[in-house]
């Protein structure tokens, strides 16, 4: 399965998304079920942001949800 170009998210876009969701690197890692180092690597373009992560963050932004809302609902 290939990743659609629209599913790709750069490190800068990732950082902007979590900032708009009022999340820190640690908060984003908690929400996304990953390690803080992984979140930092995504933000620094050291690792590619997985397509499901990009889609989820874009969904939250498109629906006006905050990271705190998502953490409460999913937690």
PDB file of N, CA and C in Angstrom:
ATOM      1  N   UNK A   1       0.846  -1.175   0.000  1.00  0.00           N
ATOM      2  CA  UNK A   1       0.000   0.000   0.000  1.00  0.00           C
ATOM      3  C   UNK A   1       0.890   1.236   0.000  1.00  0.00           C
ATOM      4  N   UNK A   2       0.637   2.146  -0.902  1.00  0.00           N
ATOM      5  CA  UNK A   2       1.421   3.363  -0.961  1.00  0.00           C
ATOM      6  C   UNK A   2       0.701   4.483  -0.221  1.00  0.00           C
ATOM      7  N   UNK A   3       1.483   5.444   0.204  1.00  0.00           N
ATOM      8  CA  UNK A   3       0.931   6.587   0.918  1.00  0.00           C
ATOM      9  C   UNK A   3       0.597   7.670  -0.086  1.00  0.00           C
ATOM     10  N   UNK A   4      -0.632   8.161  -0.027  1.00  0.00           N
ATOM     11  CA  UNK A   4      -1.031   9.251  -0.910  1.00  0.00           C
ATOM     12  C   UNK A   4      -0.254  10.497  -0.540  1.00  0.00           C
ATOM     13  N   UNK A   5       0.041  11.306  -1.539  1.00  0.00           N
ATOM     14  CA  UNK A   5       0.803  12.520  -1.301  1.00  0.00           C
ATOM     15  C   UNK A   5       0.121  13.402  -0.260  1.00  0.00           C
ATOM     16  N   UNK A   6      -1.201  13.429  -0.259  1.00  0.00           N
ATOM     17  CA  UNK A   6      -1.936  14.265   0.695  1.00  0.00           C
ATOM     18  C   UNK A   6      -1.821  13.748   2.118  1.00  0.00           C
ATOM     19  N   UNK A   7      -1.428  12.482   2.303  1.00  0.00           N
ATOM     20  CA  UNK A   7      -1.263  11.918   3.639  1.00  0.00           C
ATOM     21  C   UNK A   7       0.100  12.269   4.241  1.00  0.00           C
ATOM     22  N   UNK A   8       1.007  12.716   3.427  1.00  0.00           N
ATOM     23  CA  UNK A   8       2.343  13.031   3.915  1.00  0.00           C
ATOM     24  C   UNK A   8       2.305  14.295   4.768  1.00  0.00           C
ATOM     25  N   UNK A   9       3.141  14.309   5.783  1.00  0.00           N
ATOM     26  CA  UNK A   9       3.224  15.461   6.667  1.00  0.00           C
ATOM     27  C   UNK A   9       4.700  15.673   6.985  1.00  0.00           C
ATOM     28  N   UNK A  10       5.160  16.890   6.750  1.00  0.00           N
ATOM     29  CA  UNK A  10       6.549  17.214   7.071  1.00  0.00           C
ATOM     30  C   UNK A  10       6.688  17.423   8.574  1.00  0.00           C
ATOM     31  N   UNK A  11       7.915  17.463   9.017  1.00  0.00           N
ATOM     32  CA  UNK A  11       8.169  17.740  10.423  1.00  0.00           C
ATOM     33  C   UNK A  11       7.618  19.087  10.843  1.00  0.00           C
ATOM     34  N   UNK A  12       7.785  20.070   9.977  1.00  0.00           N
ATOM     35  CA  UNK A  12       7.262  21.404  10.263  1.00  0.00           C
ATOM     36  C   UNK A  12       5.732  21.390  10.362  1.00  0.00           C
ATOM     37  N   UNK A  13       5.087  20.674   9.458  1.00  0.00           N
ATOM     38  CA  UNK A  13       3.626  20.564   9.500  1.00  0.00           C
ATOM     39  C   UNK A  13       3.177  19.832  10.760  1.00  0.00           C
ATOM     40  N   UNK A  14       3.924  18.808  11.145  1.00  0.00           N
ATOM     41  CA  UNK A  14       3.614  18.074  12.373  1.00  0.00           C
ATOM     42  C   UNK A  14       3.705  19.012  13.572  1.00  0.00           C
ATOM     43  N   UNK A  15       4.792  19.764  13.654  1.00  0.00           N
ATOM     44  CA  UNK A  15       4.986  20.683  14.770  1.00  0.00           C
ATOM     45  C   UNK A  15       3.880  21.735  14.796  1.00  0.00           C
ATOM     46  N   UNK A  16       3.520  22.267  13.635  1.00  0.00           N
ATOM     47  CA  UNK A  16       2.441  23.249  13.563  1.00  0.00           C
ATOM     48  C   UNK A  16       1.116  22.645  14.012  1.00  0.00           C
ATOM     49  N   UNK A  17       0.859  21.416  13.610  1.00  0.00           N
ATOM     50  CA  UNK A  17      -0.399  20.757  13.978  1.00  0.00           C
ATOM     51  C   UNK A  17      -0.494  20.561  15.484  1.00  0.00           C
ATOM     52  N   UNK A  18       0.566  20.063  16.106  1.00  0.00           N
ATOM     53  CA  UNK A  18       0.463  19.832  17.549  1.00  0.00           C
ATOM     54  C   UNK A  18       0.402  21.153  18.307  1.00  0.00           C
ATOM     55  N   UNK A  19       1.056  22.176  17.777  1.00  0.00           N
ATOM     56  CA  UNK A  19       0.970  23.498  18.406  1.00  0.00           C
ATOM     57  C   UNK A  19      -0.457  24.028  18.328  1.00  0.00           C
ATOM     58  N   UNK A  20      -1.081  23.900  17.168  1.00  0.00           N
ATOM     59  CA  UNK A  20      -2.475  24.358  17.000  1.00  0.00           C
ATOM     60  C   UNK A  20      -3.436  23.552  17.873  1.00  0.00           C
ATOM     61  N   UNK A  21      -3.065  22.316  18.176  1.00  0.00           N
ATOM     62  CA  UNK A  21      -3.889  21.470  19.046  1.00  0.00           C
ATOM     63  C   UNK A  21      -3.560  21.680  20.518  1.00  0.00           C
ATOM     64  N   UNK A  22      -2.666  22.632  20.799  1.00  0.00           N
ATOM     65  CA  UNK A  22      -2.260  22.961  22.167  1.00  0.00           C
ATOM     66  C   UNK A  22      -1.599  21.777  22.866  1.00  0.00           C
ATOM     67  N   UNK A  23      -0.764  21.076  22.105  1.00  0.00           N
ATOM     68  CA  UNK A  23      -0.050  19.928  22.648  1.00  0.00           C
ATOM     69  C   UNK A  23       1.447  20.198  22.669  1.00  0.00           C
ATOM     70  N   UNK A  24       2.094  19.710  23.688  1.00  0.00           N
ATOM     71  CA  UNK A  24       3.555  19.704  23.733  1.00  0.00           C
ATOM     72  C   UNK A  24       4.031  18.445  23.016  1.00  0.00           C
ATOM     73  N   UNK A  25       5.335  18.307  22.877  1.00  0.00           N
ATOM     74  CA  UNK A  25       5.877  17.076  22.304  1.00  0.00           C
ATOM     75  C   UNK A  25       5.459  15.875  23.149  1.00  0.00           C
ATOM     76  N   UNK A  26       5.521  16.032  24.475  1.00  0.00           N
ATOM     77  CA  UNK A  26       5.144  14.953  25.387  1.00  0.00           C
ATOM     78  C   UNK A  26       3.650  14.657  25.274  1.00  0.00           C
ATOM     79  N   UNK A  27       2.823  15.712  25.227  1.00  0.00           N
ATOM     80  CA  UNK A  27       1.380  15.535  25.094  1.00  0.00           C
ATOM     81  C   UNK A  27       1.010  14.855  23.787  1.00  0.00           C
ATOM     82  N   UNK A  28       1.691  15.236  22.709  1.00  0.00           N
ATOM     83  CA  UNK A  28       1.432  14.612  21.414  1.00  0.00           C
ATOM     84  C   UNK A  28       1.816  13.131  21.460  1.00  0.00           C
ATOM     85  N   UNK A  29       2.941  12.843  22.065  1.00  0.00           N
ATOM     86  CA  UNK A  29       3.379  11.444  22.186  1.00  0.00           C
ATOM     87  C   UNK A  29       2.361  10.632  22.972  1.00  0.00           C
ATOM     88  N   UNK A  30       1.862  11.195  24.075  1.00  0.00           N
ATOM     89  CA  UNK A  30       0.849  10.500  24.880  1.00  0.00           C
ATOM     90  C   UNK A  30      -0.407  10.238  24.059  1.00  0.00           C
ATOM     91  N   UNK A  31      -0.873  11.259  23.358  1.00  0.00           N
ATOM     92  CA  UNK A  31      -2.081  11.125  22.547  1.00  0.00           C
ATOM     93  C   UNK A  31      -1.911  10.077  21.454  1.00  0.00           C
ATOM     94  N   UNK A  32      -0.749  10.068  20.842  1.00  0.00           N
ATOM     95  CA  UNK A  32      -0.517   9.204  19.692  1.00  0.00           C
ATOM     96  C   UNK A  32       0.020   7.828  20.079  1.00  0.00           C
ATOM     97  N   UNK A  33       0.202   7.607  21.363  1.00  0.00           N
ATOM     98  CA  UNK A  33       0.646   6.294  21.832  1.00  0.00           C
ATOM     99  C   UNK A  33       2.063   5.958  21.433  1.00  0.00           C
ATOM    100  N   UNK A  34       2.914   6.967  21.460  1.00  0.00           N
ATOM    101  CA  UNK A  34       4.296   6.760  21.072  1.00  0.00           C
ATOM    102  C   UNK A  34       5.225   7.377  22.104  1.00  0.00           C
ATOM    103  N   UNK A  35       6.487   7.180  21.925  1.00  0.00           N
ATOM    104  CA  UNK A  35       7.498   7.725  22.817  1.00  0.00           C
ATOM    105  C   UNK A  35       7.753   9.192  22.481  1.00  0.00           C
ATOM    106  N   UNK A  36       8.128   9.964  23.486  1.00  0.00           N
ATOM    107  CA  UNK A  36       8.443  11.380  23.276  1.00  0.00           C
ATOM    108  C   UNK A  36       9.553  11.558  22.240  1.00  0.00           C
ATOM    109  N   UNK A  37      10.532  10.661  22.236  1.00  0.00           N
ATOM    110  CA  UNK A  37      11.631  10.760  21.259  1.00  0.00           C
ATOM    111  C   UNK A  37      11.119  10.598  19.835  1.00  0.00           C
ATOM    112  N   UNK A  38      10.138   9.733  19.654  1.00  0.00           N
ATOM    113  CA  UNK A  38       9.570   9.538  18.319  1.00  0.00           C
ATOM    114  C   UNK A  38       8.873  10.804  17.861  1.00  0.00           C
ATOM    115  N   UNK A  39       8.094  11.409  18.746  1.00  0.00           N
ATOM    116  CA  UNK A  39       7.418  12.662  18.419  1.00  0.00           C
ATOM    117  C   UNK A  39       8.445  13.737  18.042  1.00  0.00           C
ATOM    118  N   UNK A  40       9.521  13.816  18.793  1.00  0.00           N
ATOM    119  CA  UNK A  40      10.573  14.792  18.510  1.00  0.00           C
ATOM    120  C   UNK A  40      11.235  14.498  17.154  1.00  0.00           C
ATOM    121  N   UNK A  41      11.439  13.220  16.859  1.00  0.00           N
ATOM    122  CA  UNK A  41      12.048  12.846  15.577  1.00  0.00           C
ATOM    123  C   UNK A  41      11.136  13.212  14.407  1.00  0.00           C
ATOM    124  N   UNK A  42       9.830  13.040  14.587  1.00  0.00           N
ATOM    125  CA  UNK A  42       8.899  13.455  13.537  1.00  0.00           C
ATOM    126  C   UNK A  42       8.997  14.969  13.323  1.00  0.00           C
ATOM    127  N   UNK A  43       9.010  15.720  14.416  1.00  0.00           N
ATOM    128  CA  UNK A  43       9.056  17.181  14.324  1.00  0.00           C
ATOM    129  C   UNK A  43      10.347  17.673  13.678  1.00  0.00           C
ATOM    130  N   UNK A  44      11.429  16.944  13.883  1.00  0.00           N
ATOM    131  CA  UNK A  44      12.731  17.340  13.335  1.00  0.00           C
ATOM    132  C   UNK A  44      13.029  16.716  11.978  1.00  0.00           C
ATOM    133  N   UNK A  45      12.044  16.056  11.380  1.00  0.00           N
ATOM    134  CA  UNK A  45      12.215  15.397  10.077  1.00  0.00           C
ATOM    135  C   UNK A  45      13.297  14.319  10.101  1.00  0.00           C
ATOM    136  N   UNK A  46      13.525  13.733  11.271  1.00  0.00           N
ATOM    137  CA  UNK A  46      14.467  12.622  11.364  1.00  0.00           C
ATOM    138  C   UNK A  46      13.789  11.307  11.005  1.00  0.00           C
ATOM    139  N   UNK A  47      12.483  11.281  11.149  1.00  0.00           N
ATOM    140  CA  UNK A  47      11.658  10.122  10.786  1.00  0.00           C
ATOM    141  C   UNK A  47      10.410  10.640  10.099  1.00  0.00           C
ATOM    142  N   UNK A  48       9.885   9.865   9.183  1.00  0.00           N
ATOM    143  CA  UNK A  48       8.654  10.253   8.492  1.00  0.00           C
ATOM    144  C   UNK A  48       7.466  10.138   9.444  1.00  0.00           C
ATOM    145  N   UNK A  49       6.566  11.091   9.359  1.00  0.00           N
ATOM    146  CA  UNK A  49       5.333  11.031  10.137  1.00  0.00           C
ATOM    147  C   UNK A  49       4.447   9.979   9.476  1.00  0.00           C
ATOM    148  N   UNK A  50       4.031   8.943  10.213  1.00  0.00           N
ATOM    149  CA  UNK A  50       3.178   7.914   9.617  1.00  0.00           C
ATOM    150  C   UNK A  50       1.856   8.509   9.096  1.00  0.00           C
ATOM    151  N   UNK A  51       1.390   7.992   7.981  1.00  0.00           N
ATOM    152  CA  UNK A  51       0.161   8.498   7.365  1.00  0.00           C
ATOM    153  C   UNK A  51      -1.029   8.483   8.332  1.00  0.00           C
ATOM    154  N   UNK A  52      -1.238   7.424   9.131  1.00  0.00           N
ATOM    155  CA  UNK A  52      -2.377   7.458  10.062  1.00  0.00           C
ATOM    156  C   UNK A  52      -2.261   8.586  11.090  1.00  0.00           C
ATOM    157  N   UNK A  53      -1.049   8.898  11.522  1.00  0.00           N
ATOM    158  CA  UNK A  53      -0.845  10.001  12.460  1.00  0.00           C
ATOM    159  C   UNK A  53      -1.205  11.316  11.783  1.00  0.00           C
ATOM    160  N   UNK A  54      -0.724  11.508  10.572  1.00  0.00           N
ATOM    161  CA  UNK A  54      -1.031  12.735   9.836  1.00  0.00           C
ATOM    162  C   UNK A  54      -2.532  12.893   9.629  1.00  0.00           C
ATOM    163  N   UNK A  55      -3.194  11.809   9.231  1.00  0.00           N
ATOM    164  CA  UNK A  55      -4.647  11.876   9.016  1.00  0.00           C
ATOM    165  C   UNK A  55      -5.388  12.205  10.315  1.00  0.00           C
ATOM    166  N   UNK A  56      -4.977  11.586  11.427  1.00  0.00           N
ATOM    167  CA  UNK A  56      -5.638  11.822  12.706  1.00  0.00           C
ATOM    168  C   UNK A  56      -5.468  13.275  13.144  1.00  0.00           C
ATOM    169  N   UNK A  57      -4.260  13.798  13.047  1.00  0.00           N
ATOM    170  CA  UNK A  57      -4.033  15.187  13.433  1.00  0.00           C
ATOM    171  C   UNK A  57      -4.824  16.139  12.546  1.00  0.00           C
ATOM    172  N   UNK A  58      -4.848  15.862  11.252  1.00  0.00           N
ATOM    173  CA  UNK A  58      -5.638  16.713  10.338  1.00  0.00           C
ATOM    174  C   UNK A  58      -7.131  16.621  10.630  1.00  0.00           C
ATOM    175  N   UNK A  59      -7.596  15.454  11.016  1.00  0.00           N
ATOM    176  CA  UNK A  59      -9.008  15.287  11.406  1.00  0.00           C
ATOM    177  C   UNK A  59      -9.318  16.157  12.620  1.00  0.00           C
ATOM    178  N   UNK A  60      -8.456  16.084  13.630  1.00  0.00           N
ATOM    179  CA  UNK A  60      -8.686  16.892  14.828  1.00  0.00           C
ATOM    180  C   UNK A  60      -8.733  18.377  14.484  1.00  0.00           C
ATOM    181  N   UNK A  61      -7.805  18.822  13.650  1.00  0.00           N
ATOM    182  CA  UNK A  61      -7.778  20.225  13.261  1.00  0.00           C
ATOM    183  C   UNK A  61      -9.026  20.609  12.459  1.00  0.00           C
ATOM    184  N   UNK A  62      -9.429  19.753  11.538  1.00  0.00           N
ATOM    185  CA  UNK A  62     -10.584  20.043  10.682  1.00  0.00           C
ATOM    186  C   UNK A  62     -11.891  20.099  11.463  1.00  0.00           C
ATOM    187  N   UNK A  63     -11.961  19.351  12.546  1.00  0.00           N
ATOM    188  CA  UNK A  63     -13.194  19.316  13.334  1.00  0.00           C
ATOM    189  C   UNK A  63     -13.158  20.268  14.520  1.00  0.00           C
ATOM    190  N   UNK A  64     -12.067  21.012  14.648  1.00  0.00           N
ATOM    191  CA  UNK A  64     -11.964  21.998  15.710  1.00  0.00           C
ATOM    192  C   UNK A  64     -11.741  21.411  17.093  1.00  0.00           C
ATOM    193  N   UNK A  65     -11.292  20.189  17.147  1.00  0.00           N
ATOM    194  CA  UNK A  65     -11.016  19.543  18.425  1.00  0.00           C
ATOM    195  C   UNK A  65      -9.625  19.945  18.925  1.00  0.00           C
ATOM    196  N   UNK A  66      -9.440  19.872  20.229  1.00  0.00           N
ATOM    197  CA  UNK A  66      -8.126  20.128  20.796  1.00  0.00           C
ATOM    198  C   UNK A  66      -7.488  18.798  21.169  1.00  0.00           C
ATOM    199  N   UNK A  67      -6.206  18.843  21.407  1.00  0.00           N
ATOM    200  CA  UNK A  67      -5.527  17.646  21.865  1.00  0.00           C
ATOM    201  C   UNK A  67      -6.069  17.191  23.200  1.00  0.00           C
ATOM    202  N   UNK A  68      -6.392  18.140  24.067  1.00  0.00           N
ATOM    203  CA  UNK A  68      -6.948  17.799  25.387  1.00  0.00           C
ATOM    204  C   UNK A  68      -8.270  17.057  25.239  1.00  0.00           C
ATOM    205  N   UNK A  69      -9.111  17.516  24.316  1.00  0.00           N
ATOM    206  CA  UNK A  69     -10.392  16.843  24.049  1.00  0.00           C
ATOM    207  C   UNK A  69     -10.146  15.400  23.617  1.00  0.00           C
ATOM    208  N   UNK A  70      -9.227  15.228  22.682  1.00  0.00           N
ATOM    209  CA  UNK A  70      -8.929  13.889  22.163  1.00  0.00           C
ATOM    210  C   UNK A  70      -8.383  12.978  23.254  1.00  0.00           C
ATOM    211  N   UNK A  71      -7.514  13.515  24.098  1.00  0.00           N
ATOM    212  CA  UNK A  71      -6.948  12.713  25.183  1.00  0.00           C
ATOM    213  C   UNK A  71      -8.051  12.273  26.144  1.00  0.00           C
ATOM    214  N   UNK A  72      -8.966  13.183  26.468  1.00  0.00           N
ATOM    215  CA  UNK A  72     -10.076  12.819  27.372  1.00  0.00           C
ATOM    216  C   UNK A  72     -10.973  11.756  26.748  1.00  0.00           C
ATOM    217  N   UNK A  73     -11.283  11.889  25.470  1.00  0.00           N
ATOM    218  CA  UNK A  73     -12.167  10.937  24.800  1.00  0.00           C
ATOM    219  C   UNK A  73     -11.514   9.569  24.619  1.00  0.00           C
ATOM    220  N   UNK A  74     -10.233   9.577  24.335  1.00  0.00           N
ATOM    221  CA  UNK A  74      -9.545   8.324  24.054  1.00  0.00           C
ATOM    222  C   UNK A  74      -8.913   7.698  25.294  1.00  0.00           C
ATOM    223  N   UNK A  75      -8.776   8.494  26.330  1.00  0.00           N
ATOM    224  CA  UNK A  75      -8.082   8.028  27.537  1.00  0.00           C
ATOM    225  C   UNK A  75      -8.893   7.177  28.389  1.00  0.00           C
TER     226      UNK A  75
END
